[in-house]
Amino acid sequence: MGSEMVMVDDIPFPAEITTTKPLPLIGSGITDIEIHFLQIKHNAIGVYLDGSIVELLGNWKGKNGTELVEDDGFFDALVSAQVEKFIRVVVIKEIKGAQFGLQIESAVRDRLASCDKYEDEEEEELEKIVEFFQTPYFKKGSVITFHFPASSQTAEITYALEGKDEVKMKVENANVVEMIQKWYLGGCRAVSPSTVQSLAEKLGTILASA
């Protein structure tokens, strides 16, 4: 990882990460909830994308971030683009892994059900994800990552706890992989509006200069 860091709500994120190639940080934000007029921040999110994604989003050249953030078609194209994507989630408010896993399960299942793609195979894959997150306890600063290779309909989920080796699992159901991406990158129904806004603005700027 490069030495340059970008602060996302006081959480440092590398300006780029290297998987099979260097991927720049394109969007960032937080997940939060308001309770009794208090903003409770849960996670900071960084989205890293292969720069070649710009070539696949040419239909939106000339639109600014304000226009793009309202365009579900743009985010559908972003999700379906066959380029490498990497999402880094850093915990702000500590949470049991089991709770985090259930959040993913619920969000993905709802999206699958709404487009009639929730079958036994998808249910089994979601059960594996829930099981994967069953035991860890994520303190502040814990890191969870989602890696989506360019030419594959799979994903690798990783988490790292302080002082321990990374723990990994592979998600091999293409429909589940798609909906995990939509949860983080999917426009108006995404988990983090601030991340979606950031992606729209940065990609709009990049497209304008492409």
C-alpha atoms as a PDB file:
ATOM      1  CA  MET A   1       0.000   0.000   0.000  1.00  0.00           C
ATOM      2  CA  GLY A   2       1.166   3.507  -0.763  1.00  0.00           C
ATOM      3  CA  SER A   3       2.175   5.882   2.003  1.00  0.00           C
ATOM      4  CA  GLU A   4      -0.324   8.601   1.083  1.00  0.00           C
ATOM      5  CA  MET A   5      -3.445   8.519   3.243  1.00  0.00           C
ATOM      6  CA  VAL A   6      -6.893  10.070   2.845  1.00  0.00           C
ATOM      7  CA  MET A   7      -8.922  10.869   5.967  1.00  0.00           C
ATOM      8  CA  VAL A   8     -12.509   9.652   5.973  1.00  0.00           C
ATOM      9  CA  ASP A   9     -14.167  11.030   9.089  1.00  0.00           C
ATOM     10  CA  ASP A  10     -10.873  10.823  11.026  1.00  0.00           C
ATOM     11  CA  ILE A  11     -10.193   7.288   9.746  1.00  0.00           C
ATOM     12  CA  PRO A  12      -7.094   7.004   7.504  1.00  0.00           C
ATOM     13  CA  PHE A  13      -7.532   5.219   4.168  1.00  0.00           C
ATOM     14  CA  PRO A  14      -4.704   4.523   1.696  1.00  0.00           C
ATOM     15  CA  ALA A  15      -5.030   6.703  -1.416  1.00  0.00           C
ATOM     16  CA  GLU A  16      -4.555   3.502  -3.374  1.00  0.00           C
ATOM     17  CA  ILE A  17      -4.317  -0.187  -2.633  1.00  0.00           C
ATOM     18  CA  THR A  18      -2.578  -2.857  -4.675  1.00  0.00           C
ATOM     19  CA  THR A  19      -4.274  -6.153  -5.435  1.00  0.00           C
ATOM     20  CA  THR A  20      -3.345  -7.485  -8.871  1.00  0.00           C
ATOM     21  CA  LYS A  21      -2.694  -3.839  -9.771  1.00  0.00           C
ATOM     22  CA  PRO A  22      -2.852  -0.439  -8.038  1.00  0.00           C
ATOM     23  CA  LEU A  23      -6.463   0.690  -7.489  1.00  0.00           C
ATOM     24  CA  PRO A  24      -7.152   4.351  -6.596  1.00  0.00           C
ATOM     25  CA  LEU A  25      -9.609   5.443  -3.911  1.00  0.00           C
ATOM     26  CA  ILE A  26     -12.563   6.782  -5.931  1.00  0.00           C
ATOM     27  CA  GLY A  27     -15.311   7.180  -3.325  1.00  0.00           C
ATOM     28  CA  SER A  28     -15.622   7.306   0.450  1.00  0.00           C
ATOM     29  CA  GLY A  29     -18.167   7.978   3.166  1.00  0.00           C
ATOM     30  CA  ILE A  30     -19.734   6.623   6.325  1.00  0.00           C
ATOM     31  CA  THR A  31     -22.731   4.630   7.463  1.00  0.00           C
ATOM     32  CA  ASP A  32     -24.667   6.277  10.259  1.00  0.00           C
ATOM     33  CA  ILE A  33     -28.032   6.540  11.931  1.00  0.00           C
ATOM     34  CA  GLU A  34     -29.708   9.394  13.783  1.00  0.00           C
ATOM     35  CA  ILE A  35     -31.116   8.563  17.225  1.00  0.00           C
ATOM     36  CA  HIS A  36     -32.733  11.313  19.311  1.00  0.00           C
ATOM     37  CA  PHE A  37     -31.021  13.966  17.177  1.00  0.00           C
ATOM     38  CA  LEU A  38     -27.604  12.346  17.703  1.00  0.00           C
ATOM     39  CA  GLN A  39     -25.645  11.080  14.714  1.00  0.00           C
ATOM     40  CA  ILE A  40     -24.293   7.601  15.504  1.00  0.00           C
ATOM     41  CA  LYS A  41     -21.517   6.673  13.083  1.00  0.00           C
ATOM     42  CA  HIS A  42     -21.041   2.969  12.404  1.00  0.00           C
ATOM     43  CA  ASN A  43     -18.447   2.473   9.647  1.00  0.00           C
ATOM     44  CA  ALA A  44     -16.164   4.401   7.328  1.00  0.00           C
ATOM     45  CA  ILE A  45     -16.091   3.127   3.743  1.00  0.00           C
ATOM     46  CA  GLY A  46     -13.554   3.456   0.953  1.00  0.00           C
ATOM     47  CA  VAL A  47     -14.260   2.298  -2.617  1.00  0.00           C
ATOM     48  CA  TYR A  48     -11.302   1.478  -4.865  1.00  0.00           C
ATOM     49  CA  LEU A  49     -11.881   0.991  -8.599  1.00  0.00           C
ATOM     50  CA  ASP A  50      -9.786   0.106 -11.619  1.00  0.00           C
ATOM     51  CA  GLY A  51      -9.395   3.348 -13.597  1.00  0.00           C
ATOM     52  CA  SER A  52     -10.546   1.594 -16.765  1.00  0.00           C
ATOM     53  CA  ILE A  53     -14.105   1.761 -15.438  1.00  0.00           C
ATOM     54  CA  VAL A  54     -14.308   5.219 -17.034  1.00  0.00           C
ATOM     55  CA  GLU A  55     -14.313   3.581 -20.466  1.00  0.00           C
ATOM     56  CA  LEU A  56     -17.451   1.658 -19.514  1.00  0.00           C
ATOM     57  CA  LEU A  57     -19.330   4.713 -18.233  1.00  0.00           C
ATOM     58  CA  GLY A  58     -18.999   6.850 -21.359  1.00  0.00           C
ATOM     59  CA  ASN A  59     -22.783   7.195 -21.714  1.00  0.00           C
ATOM     60  CA  TRP A  60     -22.729   9.466 -18.681  1.00  0.00           C
ATOM     61  CA  LYS A  61     -19.960  11.776 -19.829  1.00  0.00           C
ATOM     62  CA  GLY A  62     -20.945  15.391 -19.313  1.00  0.00           C
ATOM     63  CA  LYS A  63     -23.180  14.737 -16.306  1.00  0.00           C
ATOM     64  CA  ASN A  64     -22.164  16.156 -12.960  1.00  0.00           C
ATOM     65  CA  GLY A  65     -22.298  14.492  -9.560  1.00  0.00           C
ATOM     66  CA  THR A  66     -25.728  15.934  -8.746  1.00  0.00           C
ATOM     67  CA  GLU A  67     -27.197  14.367 -11.874  1.00  0.00           C
ATOM     68  CA  LEU A  68     -25.365  11.059 -11.499  1.00  0.00           C
ATOM     69  CA  VAL A  69     -26.361  10.485  -7.880  1.00  0.00           C
ATOM     70  CA  GLU A  70     -30.028  10.439  -8.950  1.00  0.00           C
ATOM     71  CA  ASP A  71     -29.404   8.049 -11.864  1.00  0.00           C
ATOM     72  CA  ASP A  72     -29.935   4.402 -10.901  1.00  0.00           C
ATOM     73  CA  GLY A  73     -28.863   3.350 -14.395  1.00  0.00           C
ATOM     74  CA  PHE A  74     -25.431   4.828 -13.732  1.00  0.00           C
ATOM     75  CA  PHE A  75     -24.978   2.799 -10.562  1.00  0.00           C
ATOM     76  CA  ASP A  76     -26.315  -0.349 -12.242  1.00  0.00           C
ATOM     77  CA  ALA A  77     -23.610   0.118 -14.891  1.00  0.00           C
ATOM     78  CA  LEU A  78     -21.014   0.657 -12.162  1.00  0.00           C
ATOM     79  CA  VAL A  79     -22.016  -2.600 -10.432  1.00  0.00           C
ATOM     80  CA  SER A  80     -22.150  -4.648 -13.639  1.00  0.00           C
ATOM     81  CA  ALA A  81     -18.848  -3.285 -15.022  1.00  0.00           C
ATOM     82  CA  GLN A  82     -16.320  -6.094 -15.401  1.00  0.00           C
ATOM     83  CA  VAL A  83     -13.468  -4.264 -13.684  1.00  0.00           C
ATOM     84  CA  GLU A  84     -11.720  -4.929 -10.409  1.00  0.00           C
ATOM     85  CA  LYS A  85     -13.372  -3.364  -7.364  1.00  0.00           C
ATOM     86  CA  PHE A  86     -12.294  -3.297  -3.726  1.00  0.00           C
ATOM     87  CA  ILE A  87     -14.333  -2.008  -0.793  1.00  0.00           C
ATOM     88  CA  ARG A  88     -12.648  -1.315   2.546  1.00  0.00           C
ATOM     89  CA  VAL A  89     -14.865  -0.934   5.622  1.00  0.00           C
ATOM     90  CA  VAL A  90     -13.372   0.351   8.883  1.00  0.00           C
ATOM     91  CA  VAL A  91     -15.445  -0.022  12.035  1.00  0.00           C
ATOM     92  CA  ILE A  92     -16.182   3.190  13.971  1.00  0.00           C
ATOM     93  CA  LYS A  93     -18.791   1.876  16.417  1.00  0.00           C
ATOM     94  CA  GLU A  94     -17.900  -1.581  17.692  1.00  0.00           C
ATOM     95  CA  ILE A  95     -20.240  -4.381  16.700  1.00  0.00           C
ATOM     96  CA  LYS A  96     -20.531  -8.128  17.023  1.00  0.00           C
ATOM     97  CA  GLY A  97     -19.570  -9.934  13.837  1.00  0.00           C
ATOM     98  CA  ALA A  98     -22.857 -11.824  14.029  1.00  0.00           C
ATOM     99  CA  GLN A  99     -24.772  -8.532  13.818  1.00  0.00           C
ATOM    100  CA  PHE A 100     -22.708  -7.382  10.845  1.00  0.00           C
ATOM    101  CA  GLY A 101     -23.316 -10.686   9.068  1.00  0.00           C
ATOM    102  CA  LEU A 102     -27.058 -10.443   9.648  1.00  0.00           C
ATOM    103  CA  GLN A 103     -27.063  -6.908   8.201  1.00  0.00           C
ATOM    104  CA  ILE A 104     -25.472  -8.218   5.009  1.00  0.00           C
ATOM    105  CA  GLU A 105     -27.860 -11.177   4.885  1.00  0.00           C
ATOM    106  CA  SER A 106     -30.949  -8.995   5.304  1.00  0.00           C
ATOM    107  CA  ALA A 107     -29.867  -6.368   2.773  1.00  0.00           C
ATOM    108  CA  VAL A 108     -28.844  -8.923   0.134  1.00  0.00           C
ATOM    109  CA  ARG A 109     -31.893 -11.144   0.652  1.00  0.00           C
ATOM    110  CA  ASP A 110     -34.278  -8.190   0.284  1.00  0.00           C
ATOM    111  CA  ARG A 111     -32.611  -7.140  -2.965  1.00  0.00           C
ATOM    112  CA  LEU A 112     -32.646 -10.685  -4.333  1.00  0.00           C
ATOM    113  CA  ALA A 113     -36.286 -11.191  -3.387  1.00  0.00           C
ATOM    114  CA  SER A 114     -37.337  -7.910  -5.009  1.00  0.00           C
ATOM    115  CA  CYS A 115     -36.019  -9.101  -8.392  1.00  0.00           C
ATOM    116  CA  ASP A 116     -37.093 -12.736  -7.936  1.00  0.00           C
ATOM    117  CA  LYS A 117     -33.559 -14.134  -7.650  1.00  0.00           C
ATOM    118  CA  TYR A 118     -33.762 -15.586  -4.144  1.00  0.00           C
ATOM    119  CA  GLU A 119     -33.535 -19.371  -4.522  1.00  0.00           C
ATOM    120  CA  ASP A 120     -32.037 -22.190  -2.442  1.00  0.00           C
ATOM    121  CA  GLU A 121     -28.542 -21.554  -3.821  1.00  0.00           C
ATOM    122  CA  GLU A 122     -28.630 -17.906  -2.759  1.00  0.00           C
ATOM    123  CA  GLU A 123     -29.978 -18.820   0.681  1.00  0.00           C
ATOM    124  CA  GLU A 124     -27.147 -21.317   1.187  1.00  0.00           C
ATOM    125  CA  GLU A 125     -24.533 -18.739   0.205  1.00  0.00           C
ATOM    126  CA  LEU A 126     -25.985 -16.176   2.603  1.00  0.00           C
ATOM    127  CA  GLU A 127     -25.932 -18.757   5.388  1.00  0.00           C
ATOM    128  CA  LYS A 128     -22.194 -19.227   4.746  1.00  0.00           C
ATOM    129  CA  ILE A 129     -21.671 -15.453   5.080  1.00  0.00           C
ATOM    130  CA  VAL A 130     -23.617 -15.370   8.360  1.00  0.00           C
ATOM    131  CA  GLU A 131     -21.519 -18.283   9.653  1.00  0.00           C
ATOM    132  CA  PHE A 132     -18.294 -16.564   8.556  1.00  0.00           C
ATOM    133  CA  PHE A 133     -19.110 -13.529  10.705  1.00  0.00           C
ATOM    134  CA  GLN A 134     -20.469 -15.536  13.648  1.00  0.00           C
ATOM    135  CA  THR A 135     -17.503 -15.367  16.028  1.00  0.00           C
ATOM    136  CA  PRO A 136     -15.475 -12.124  15.648  1.00  0.00           C
ATOM    137  CA  TYR A 137     -16.070  -8.981  17.675  1.00  0.00           C
ATOM    138  CA  PHE A 138     -15.238  -5.858  15.699  1.00  0.00           C
ATOM    139  CA  LYS A 139     -13.715  -3.145  17.848  1.00  0.00           C
ATOM    140  CA  LYS A 140     -13.165   0.377  16.538  1.00  0.00           C
ATOM    141  CA  GLY A 141     -10.560   0.235  13.787  1.00  0.00           C
ATOM    142  CA  SER A 142     -11.317  -3.337  12.724  1.00  0.00           C
ATOM    143  CA  VAL A 143     -11.144  -3.731   8.934  1.00  0.00           C
ATOM    144  CA  ILE A 144     -13.500  -5.693   6.686  1.00  0.00           C
ATOM    145  CA  THR A 145     -12.846  -5.839   2.946  1.00  0.00           C
ATOM    146  CA  PHE A 146     -14.748  -7.003  -0.117  1.00  0.00           C
ATOM    147  CA  HIS A 147     -12.699  -7.798  -3.230  1.00  0.00           C
ATOM    148  CA  PHE A 148     -14.417  -8.248  -6.589  1.00  0.00           C
ATOM    149  CA  PRO A 149     -12.032  -9.531  -9.324  1.00  0.00           C
ATOM    150  CA  ALA A 150     -12.566  -8.153 -12.828  1.00  0.00           C
ATOM    151  CA  SER A 151     -13.207 -11.348 -14.749  1.00  0.00           C
ATOM    152  CA  SER A 152     -15.048 -13.305 -12.098  1.00  0.00           C
ATOM    153  CA  GLN A 153     -18.536 -13.399 -10.615  1.00  0.00           C
ATOM    154  CA  THR A 154     -17.085 -14.214  -7.220  1.00  0.00           C
ATOM    155  CA  ALA A 155     -15.979 -12.109  -4.277  1.00  0.00           C
ATOM    156  CA  GLU A 156     -13.560 -12.491  -1.403  1.00  0.00           C
ATOM    157  CA  ILE A 157     -14.549 -11.181   2.023  1.00  0.00           C
ATOM    158  CA  THR A 158     -11.792 -10.623   4.569  1.00  0.00           C
ATOM    159  CA  TYR A 159     -11.667  -9.332   8.095  1.00  0.00           C
ATOM    160  CA  ALA A 160      -8.689  -8.547  10.298  1.00  0.00           C
ATOM    161  CA  LEU A 161      -8.764  -8.245  14.070  1.00  0.00           C
ATOM    162  CA  GLU A 162      -6.017  -6.535  16.037  1.00  0.00           C
ATOM    163  CA  GLY A 163      -2.969  -8.750  16.364  1.00  0.00           C
ATOM    164  CA  LYS A 164      -4.461 -11.633  14.397  1.00  0.00           C
ATOM    165  CA  ASP A 165      -4.111 -12.963  10.878  1.00  0.00           C
ATOM    166  CA  GLU A 166      -6.684 -12.125   8.229  1.00  0.00           C
ATOM    167  CA  VAL A 167      -9.670 -14.452   7.916  1.00  0.00           C
ATOM    168  CA  LYS A 168     -11.087 -14.956   4.412  1.00  0.00           C
ATOM    169  CA  MET A 169     -14.026 -16.525   2.639  1.00  0.00           C
ATOM    170  CA  LYS A 170     -15.019 -16.754  -1.012  1.00  0.00           C
ATOM    171  CA  VAL A 171     -18.534 -15.916  -2.187  1.00  0.00           C
ATOM    172  CA  GLU A 172     -19.267 -17.975  -5.293  1.00  0.00           C
ATOM    173  CA  ASN A 173     -22.910 -17.192  -6.039  1.00  0.00           C
ATOM    174  CA  ALA A 174     -23.034 -14.512  -8.747  1.00  0.00           C
ATOM    175  CA  ASN A 175     -26.412 -13.138  -7.631  1.00  0.00           C
ATOM    176  CA  VAL A 176     -25.217 -12.700  -4.043  1.00  0.00           C
ATOM    177  CA  VAL A 177     -21.999 -11.062  -5.269  1.00  0.00           C
ATOM    178  CA  GLU A 178     -24.030  -8.615  -7.368  1.00  0.00           C
ATOM    179  CA  MET A 179     -26.269  -7.637  -4.466  1.00  0.00           C
ATOM    180  CA  ILE A 180     -23.348  -7.116  -2.076  1.00  0.00           C
ATOM    181  CA  GLN A 181     -22.011  -4.648  -4.628  1.00  0.00           C
ATOM    182  CA  LYS A 182     -25.424  -3.002  -4.893  1.00  0.00           C
ATOM    183  CA  TRP A 183     -25.571  -2.648  -1.096  1.00  0.00           C
ATOM    184  CA  TYR A 184     -22.387  -0.566  -1.178  1.00  0.00           C
ATOM    185  CA  LEU A 185     -22.476   0.941  -4.690  1.00  0.00           C
ATOM    186  CA  GLY A 186     -26.124   0.803  -5.676  1.00  0.00           C
ATOM    187  CA  GLY A 187     -27.481   4.327  -5.818  1.00  0.00           C
ATOM    188  CA  CYS A 188     -30.538   5.367  -3.828  1.00  0.00           C
ATOM    189  CA  ARG A 189     -30.831   2.113  -1.845  1.00  0.00           C
ATOM    190  CA  ALA A 190     -27.168   1.822  -0.923  1.00  0.00           C
ATOM    191  CA  VAL A 191     -26.160   1.571   2.726  1.00  0.00           C
ATOM    192  CA  SER A 192     -24.138   4.809   2.685  1.00  0.00           C
ATOM    193  CA  PRO A 193     -25.583   7.851   0.873  1.00  0.00           C
ATOM    194  CA  SER A 194     -22.380   9.811   1.530  1.00  0.00           C
ATOM    195  CA  THR A 195     -20.311   7.133  -0.241  1.00  0.00           C
ATOM    196  CA  VAL A 196     -22.678   7.138  -3.209  1.00  0.00           C
ATOM    197  CA  GLN A 197     -22.499  10.945  -3.373  1.00  0.00           C
ATOM    198  CA  SER A 198     -18.711  10.803  -3.261  1.00  0.00           C
ATOM    199  CA  LEU A 199     -18.592   8.215  -6.062  1.00  0.00           C
ATOM    200  CA  ALA A 200     -20.947  10.269  -8.244  1.00  0.00           C
ATOM    201  CA  GLU A 201     -18.925  13.458  -7.803  1.00  0.00           C
ATOM    202  CA  LYS A 202     -15.515  11.869  -8.366  1.00  0.00           C
ATOM    203  CA  LEU A 203     -16.595   9.748 -11.341  1.00  0.00           C
ATOM    204  CA  GLY A 204     -18.401  12.748 -12.830  1.00  0.00           C
ATOM    205  CA  THR A 205     -15.178  14.760 -12.603  1.00  0.00           C
ATOM    206  CA  ILE A 206     -13.105  11.931 -14.085  1.00  0.00           C
ATOM    207  CA  LEU A 207     -15.585  11.448 -16.944  1.00  0.00           C
ATOM    208  CA  ALA A 208     -15.547  15.165 -17.701  1.00  0.00           C
ATOM    209  CA  SER A 209     -11.785  15.099 -18.207  1.00  0.00           C
ATOM    210  CA  ALA A 210     -11.629  11.730 -19.998  1.00  0.00           C
END
